[in-house]
Amino acid sequence: MDARCDAAGWRLPSRGWTSDSGVALEELLQAYAGSGLRHLLCTDIQRDGMLDGPNVALYEAILRLAPGVQLQASGGVRDLRDVLAVRAAGCSGVVLGKALLEGCLRLDDATARVATC
């Protein structure tokens, strides 16, 4: 799931992330939660691959709207502090992608630290 925020709230893009689908995040989460949603991967496409930090506010909003969902955060993770921030927000997992590729983060450091939380 990818979402953009505007005055109307979190909106979901479509057509290769170039158009506004007209669907609000809250609507989609309610529909899927009613169908038994258990796990969700959410990518902030504006931060994906940018190493600008994760969109913790987005992940917190999802977890408020869909309590009990196992959320995997994606987009913007730079370092161990970001991993700990999404963990503190309640996310069950995080995509480390470019942070690993660029050497900003070592997987063994991240897993060792998160295992002690």
N, C-alpha and C. Protein backbone atom coordinates (compact mmCIF):
# COMPACT_ATOMS: atom_id res chain seq x y z
N MET A 1 0.85 -1.16 0.00
CA MET A 1 0.00 0.00 0.00
C MET A 1 0.89 1.23 0.00
N ASP A 2 0.55 2.19 -0.81
CA ASP A 2 1.26 3.45 -0.85
C ASP A 2 0.23 4.54 -0.61
N ALA A 3 0.62 5.61 0.03
CA ALA A 3 -0.34 6.66 0.33
C ALA A 3 0.32 8.03 0.28
N ARG A 4 -0.46 9.00 -0.12
CA ARG A 4 -0.03 10.40 -0.10
C ARG A 4 -1.00 11.16 0.78
N CYS A 5 -0.48 12.13 1.50
CA CYS A 5 -1.33 12.90 2.41
C CYS A 5 -1.61 14.27 1.82
N ASP A 6 -2.87 14.68 1.90
CA ASP A 6 -3.24 16.04 1.53
C ASP A 6 -4.26 16.52 2.55
N ALA A 7 -4.91 17.63 2.30
CA ALA A 7 -5.87 18.18 3.25
C ALA A 7 -7.02 17.21 3.53
N ALA A 8 -7.31 16.31 2.59
CA ALA A 8 -8.40 15.35 2.76
C ALA A 8 -7.95 14.11 3.52
N GLY A 9 -6.67 14.02 3.86
CA GLY A 9 -6.16 12.85 4.56
C GLY A 9 -5.29 12.01 3.63
N TRP A 10 -4.98 10.80 4.07
CA TRP A 10 -4.14 9.91 3.27
C TRP A 10 -4.92 9.40 2.09
N ARG A 11 -4.38 9.62 0.88
CA ARG A 11 -5.02 9.19 -0.37
C ARG A 11 -4.11 8.19 -1.07
N LEU A 12 -4.70 7.24 -1.74
CA LEU A 12 -3.93 6.18 -2.39
C LEU A 12 -3.73 6.48 -3.87
N PRO A 13 -2.49 6.40 -4.34
CA PRO A 13 -2.22 6.65 -5.76
C PRO A 13 -2.52 5.41 -6.60
N SER A 14 -2.62 5.61 -7.88
CA SER A 14 -2.84 4.51 -8.82
C SER A 14 -2.11 4.84 -10.12
N ARG A 15 -2.25 3.97 -11.09
CA ARG A 15 -1.63 4.16 -12.41
C ARG A 15 -0.13 4.43 -12.29
N GLY A 16 0.56 3.48 -11.69
CA GLY A 16 2.00 3.63 -11.53
C GLY A 16 2.37 4.78 -10.63
N TRP A 17 1.53 5.06 -9.65
CA TRP A 17 1.76 6.09 -8.64
C TRP A 17 1.66 7.50 -9.22
N THR A 18 1.02 7.67 -10.36
CA THR A 18 0.96 8.99 -11.00
C THR A 18 -0.39 9.68 -10.84
N SER A 19 -1.41 8.95 -10.41
CA SER A 19 -2.75 9.52 -10.28
C SER A 19 -3.32 9.26 -8.90
N ASP A 20 -4.22 10.12 -8.48
CA ASP A 20 -4.95 9.93 -7.23
C ASP A 20 -6.10 8.98 -7.52
N SER A 21 -6.16 7.88 -6.79
CA SER A 21 -7.20 6.88 -7.01
C SER A 21 -8.57 7.36 -6.54
N GLY A 22 -8.58 8.41 -5.70
CA GLY A 22 -9.84 8.86 -5.13
C GLY A 22 -10.25 8.04 -3.91
N VAL A 23 -9.40 7.11 -3.50
CA VAL A 23 -9.69 6.24 -2.36
C VAL A 23 -8.89 6.72 -1.17
N ALA A 24 -9.58 6.92 -0.06
CA ALA A 24 -8.91 7.33 1.18
C ALA A 24 -8.38 6.10 1.89
N LEU A 25 -7.25 6.26 2.54
CA LEU A 25 -6.63 5.17 3.28
C LEU A 25 -7.60 4.57 4.29
N GLU A 26 -8.32 5.40 4.99
CA GLU A 26 -9.27 4.91 6.01
C GLU A 26 -10.33 4.00 5.38
N GLU A 27 -10.84 4.37 4.21
CA GLU A 27 -11.85 3.56 3.54
C GLU A 27 -11.30 2.17 3.19
N LEU A 28 -10.11 2.17 2.61
CA LEU A 28 -9.52 0.91 2.18
C LEU A 28 -9.21 0.02 3.37
N LEU A 29 -8.67 0.60 4.43
CA LEU A 29 -8.36 -0.20 5.61
C LEU A 29 -9.61 -0.80 6.23
N GLN A 30 -10.68 -0.03 6.29
CA GLN A 30 -11.93 -0.54 6.84
C GLN A 30 -12.45 -1.71 6.01
N ALA A 31 -12.38 -1.58 4.70
CA ALA A 31 -12.86 -2.64 3.81
C ALA A 31 -12.05 -3.92 4.00
N TYR A 32 -10.73 -3.79 4.02
CA TYR A 32 -9.88 -4.96 4.18
C TYR A 32 -9.94 -5.53 5.59
N ALA A 33 -10.01 -4.67 6.59
CA ALA A 33 -10.11 -5.15 7.97
C ALA A 33 -11.37 -5.98 8.14
N GLY A 34 -12.44 -5.56 7.50
CA GLY A 34 -13.69 -6.30 7.55
C GLY A 34 -13.61 -7.65 6.86
N SER A 35 -12.61 -7.81 6.02
CA SER A 35 -12.40 -9.08 5.31
C SER A 35 -11.31 -9.93 5.95
N GLY A 36 -10.81 -9.50 7.11
CA GLY A 36 -9.84 -10.30 7.83
C GLY A 36 -8.38 -9.92 7.63
N LEU A 37 -8.12 -8.68 7.28
CA LEU A 37 -6.74 -8.21 7.08
C LEU A 37 -5.89 -8.53 8.31
N ARG A 38 -4.75 -9.16 8.10
CA ARG A 38 -3.85 -9.50 9.20
C ARG A 38 -2.46 -8.90 9.01
N HIS A 39 -1.99 -8.84 7.77
CA HIS A 39 -0.64 -8.37 7.46
C HIS A 39 -0.72 -7.32 6.35
N LEU A 40 0.12 -6.30 6.47
CA LEU A 40 0.10 -5.22 5.48
C LEU A 40 1.51 -4.70 5.28
N LEU A 41 1.92 -4.60 4.03
CA LEU A 41 3.17 -3.94 3.67
C LEU A 41 2.80 -2.57 3.14
N CYS A 42 3.32 -1.52 3.76
CA CYS A 42 3.01 -0.16 3.35
C CYS A 42 4.30 0.55 2.94
N THR A 43 4.34 1.02 1.70
CA THR A 43 5.49 1.77 1.19
C THR A 43 5.09 3.21 0.98
N ASP A 44 5.84 4.13 1.59
CA ASP A 44 5.67 5.54 1.29
C ASP A 44 6.48 5.81 0.04
N ILE A 45 5.81 5.94 -1.09
CA ILE A 45 6.49 6.04 -2.38
C ILE A 45 7.27 7.35 -2.54
N GLN A 46 6.94 8.35 -1.77
CA GLN A 46 7.70 9.60 -1.84
C GLN A 46 9.03 9.48 -1.12
N ARG A 47 9.17 8.49 -0.26
CA ARG A 47 10.41 8.30 0.50
C ARG A 47 11.19 7.07 0.06
N ASP A 48 10.55 6.20 -0.71
CA ASP A 48 11.16 4.94 -1.10
C ASP A 48 12.47 5.18 -1.84
N GLY A 49 13.55 4.60 -1.32
CA GLY A 49 14.86 4.73 -1.93
C GLY A 49 15.55 6.06 -1.72
N MET A 50 14.98 6.94 -0.92
CA MET A 50 15.53 8.29 -0.76
C MET A 50 16.44 8.44 0.46
N LEU A 51 16.38 7.50 1.40
CA LEU A 51 17.17 7.59 2.63
C LEU A 51 16.89 8.88 3.39
N ASP A 52 15.62 9.30 3.40
CA ASP A 52 15.20 10.53 4.09
C ASP A 52 14.48 10.27 5.41
N GLY A 53 14.42 9.04 5.83
CA GLY A 53 13.71 8.69 7.05
C GLY A 53 12.32 8.17 6.75
N PRO A 54 11.83 7.25 7.57
CA PRO A 54 10.52 6.66 7.36
C PRO A 54 9.38 7.61 7.73
N ASN A 55 8.23 7.35 7.17
CA ASN A 55 7.05 8.15 7.45
C ASN A 55 6.31 7.54 8.65
N VAL A 56 6.85 7.78 9.81
CA VAL A 56 6.30 7.20 11.05
C VAL A 56 4.84 7.63 11.24
N ALA A 57 4.50 8.85 10.89
CA ALA A 57 3.11 9.32 11.04
C ALA A 57 2.14 8.47 10.23
N LEU A 58 2.53 8.08 9.05
CA LEU A 58 1.68 7.22 8.21
C LEU A 58 1.48 5.87 8.88
N TYR A 59 2.56 5.28 9.36
CA TYR A 59 2.47 3.95 9.98
C TYR A 59 1.65 4.00 11.26
N GLU A 60 1.81 5.05 12.04
CA GLU A 60 1.00 5.20 13.25
C GLU A 60 -0.48 5.35 12.90
N ALA A 61 -0.78 6.09 11.85
CA ALA A 61 -2.18 6.26 11.42
C ALA A 61 -2.78 4.93 11.01
N ILE A 62 -2.04 4.14 10.28
CA ILE A 62 -2.54 2.82 9.86
C ILE A 62 -2.82 1.95 11.07
N LEU A 63 -1.91 1.94 12.01
CA LEU A 63 -2.09 1.10 13.20
C LEU A 63 -3.25 1.58 14.07
N ARG A 64 -3.54 2.87 14.06
CA ARG A 64 -4.73 3.37 14.78
C ARG A 64 -6.00 2.93 14.07
N LEU A 65 -5.97 2.96 12.73
CA LEU A 65 -7.15 2.60 11.95
C LEU A 65 -7.38 1.09 11.89
N ALA A 66 -6.30 0.33 12.01
CA ALA A 66 -6.41 -1.13 11.91
C ALA A 66 -5.60 -1.78 13.03
N PRO A 67 -6.06 -1.64 14.26
CA PRO A 67 -5.32 -2.24 15.37
C PRO A 67 -5.21 -3.75 15.20
N GLY A 68 -4.08 -4.27 15.58
CA GLY A 68 -3.87 -5.71 15.46
C GLY A 68 -3.26 -6.15 14.14
N VAL A 69 -3.20 -5.29 13.17
CA VAL A 69 -2.59 -5.63 11.89
C VAL A 69 -1.07 -5.66 12.07
N GLN A 70 -0.45 -6.65 11.50
CA GLN A 70 1.01 -6.75 11.49
C GLN A 70 1.49 -5.90 10.32
N LEU A 71 2.08 -4.74 10.61
CA LEU A 71 2.46 -3.78 9.59
C LEU A 71 3.96 -3.81 9.32
N GLN A 72 4.31 -3.94 8.05
CA GLN A 72 5.69 -3.85 7.62
C GLN A 72 5.87 -2.49 6.94
N ALA A 73 6.78 -1.70 7.48
CA ALA A 73 7.02 -0.34 6.99
C ALA A 73 8.06 -0.37 5.88
N SER A 74 7.89 0.49 4.89
CA SER A 74 8.84 0.56 3.79
C SER A 74 8.95 1.99 3.30
N GLY A 75 10.19 2.37 3.01
CA GLY A 75 10.42 3.69 2.43
C GLY A 75 11.18 4.62 3.34
N GLY A 76 12.39 5.00 2.94
CA GLY A 76 13.12 6.05 3.61
C GLY A 76 14.08 5.65 4.71
N VAL A 77 14.09 4.38 5.11
CA VAL A 77 14.94 3.96 6.23
C VAL A 77 16.40 4.23 5.90
N ARG A 78 17.07 4.91 6.87
CA ARG A 78 18.47 5.30 6.70
C ARG A 78 19.41 4.51 7.58
N ASP A 79 18.98 4.27 8.82
CA ASP A 79 19.92 3.75 9.81
C ASP A 79 19.17 3.06 10.94
N LEU A 80 19.93 2.66 11.94
CA LEU A 80 19.37 1.94 13.08
C LEU A 80 18.33 2.77 13.83
N ARG A 81 18.54 4.08 13.92
CA ARG A 81 17.54 4.93 14.59
C ARG A 81 16.19 4.83 13.91
N ASP A 82 16.18 4.77 12.58
CA ASP A 82 14.92 4.65 11.85
C ASP A 82 14.26 3.30 12.11
N VAL A 83 15.06 2.25 12.16
CA VAL A 83 14.52 0.92 12.47
C VAL A 83 13.86 0.94 13.84
N LEU A 84 14.52 1.53 14.80
CA LEU A 84 13.96 1.61 16.15
C LEU A 84 12.72 2.50 16.20
N ALA A 85 12.68 3.55 15.39
CA ALA A 85 11.52 4.45 15.36
C ALA A 85 10.28 3.74 14.83
N VAL A 86 10.42 2.96 13.75
CA VAL A 86 9.24 2.26 13.24
C VAL A 86 8.83 1.13 14.18
N ARG A 87 9.80 0.55 14.84
CA ARG A 87 9.49 -0.48 15.83
C ARG A 87 8.71 0.14 17.00
N ALA A 88 9.17 1.30 17.47
CA ALA A 88 8.49 1.99 18.57
C ALA A 88 7.09 2.43 18.17
N ALA A 89 6.88 2.70 16.89
CA ALA A 89 5.56 3.09 16.40
C ALA A 89 4.59 1.91 16.36
N GLY A 90 5.13 0.69 16.49
CA GLY A 90 4.28 -0.49 16.51
C GLY A 90 4.38 -1.38 15.29
N CYS A 91 5.27 -1.05 14.37
CA CYS A 91 5.42 -1.86 13.17
C CYS A 91 6.08 -3.20 13.51
N SER A 92 5.65 -4.23 12.81
CA SER A 92 6.17 -5.57 13.04
C SER A 92 7.44 -5.84 12.24
N GLY A 93 7.64 -5.08 11.19
CA GLY A 93 8.80 -5.27 10.33
C GLY A 93 9.10 -4.01 9.56
N VAL A 94 10.27 -4.01 8.93
CA VAL A 94 10.68 -2.84 8.17
C VAL A 94 11.55 -3.30 7.00
N VAL A 95 11.34 -2.69 5.85
CA VAL A 95 12.15 -2.96 4.66
C VAL A 95 13.39 -2.07 4.73
N LEU A 96 14.55 -2.69 4.64
CA LEU A 96 15.81 -1.96 4.82
C LEU A 96 16.48 -1.60 3.49
N GLY A 97 16.05 -2.18 2.42
CA GLY A 97 16.50 -1.97 1.06
C GLY A 97 17.76 -1.16 0.84
N LYS A 98 17.59 0.11 0.50
CA LYS A 98 18.70 0.94 0.11
C LYS A 98 19.69 1.19 1.24
N ALA A 99 19.21 1.22 2.48
CA ALA A 99 20.11 1.41 3.61
C ALA A 99 21.15 0.28 3.67
N LEU A 100 20.73 -0.93 3.36
CA LEU A 100 21.67 -2.05 3.30
C LEU A 100 22.57 -1.94 2.07
N LEU A 101 21.96 -1.65 0.95
CA LEU A 101 22.70 -1.55 -0.31
C LEU A 101 23.79 -0.50 -0.25
N GLU A 102 23.48 0.64 0.37
CA GLU A 102 24.43 1.76 0.44
C GLU A 102 25.40 1.64 1.63
N GLY A 103 25.21 0.62 2.46
CA GLY A 103 26.10 0.43 3.60
C GLY A 103 25.81 1.34 4.78
N CYS A 104 24.64 1.94 4.81
CA CYS A 104 24.25 2.83 5.91
C CYS A 104 23.86 2.04 7.15
N LEU A 105 23.56 0.78 6.95
CA LEU A 105 23.05 -0.07 8.01
C LEU A 105 23.54 -1.48 7.76
N ARG A 106 23.91 -2.16 8.82
CA ARG A 106 24.29 -3.58 8.72
C ARG A 106 23.16 -4.41 9.29
N LEU A 107 22.78 -5.45 8.57
CA LEU A 107 21.67 -6.29 8.98
C LEU A 107 21.89 -6.90 10.36
N ASP A 108 23.09 -7.36 10.64
CA ASP A 108 23.33 -7.97 11.95
C ASP A 108 23.20 -6.95 13.08
N ASP A 109 23.57 -5.70 12.85
CA ASP A 109 23.38 -4.65 13.86
C ASP A 109 21.89 -4.41 14.12
N ALA A 110 21.13 -4.32 13.04
CA ALA A 110 19.69 -4.05 13.18
C ALA A 110 18.98 -5.21 13.87
N THR A 111 19.26 -6.43 13.47
CA THR A 111 18.56 -7.56 14.08
C THR A 111 18.97 -7.76 15.53
N ALA A 112 20.23 -7.54 15.83
CA ALA A 112 20.68 -7.69 17.22
C ALA A 112 20.02 -6.65 18.12
N ARG A 113 19.92 -5.44 17.67
CA ARG A 113 19.33 -4.37 18.49
C ARG A 113 17.83 -4.56 18.65
N VAL A 114 17.14 -4.90 17.57
CA VAL A 114 15.70 -5.06 17.64
C VAL A 114 15.34 -6.28 18.49
N ALA A 115 16.17 -7.31 18.48
CA ALA A 115 15.90 -8.50 19.27
C ALA A 115 15.92 -8.19 20.78
N THR A 116 16.62 -7.13 21.17
CA THR A 116 16.69 -6.79 22.59
C THR A 116 15.59 -5.85 23.03
N CYS A 117 14.79 -5.37 22.09
CA CYS A 117 13.70 -4.42 22.43
C CYS A 117 12.52 -5.15 23.04
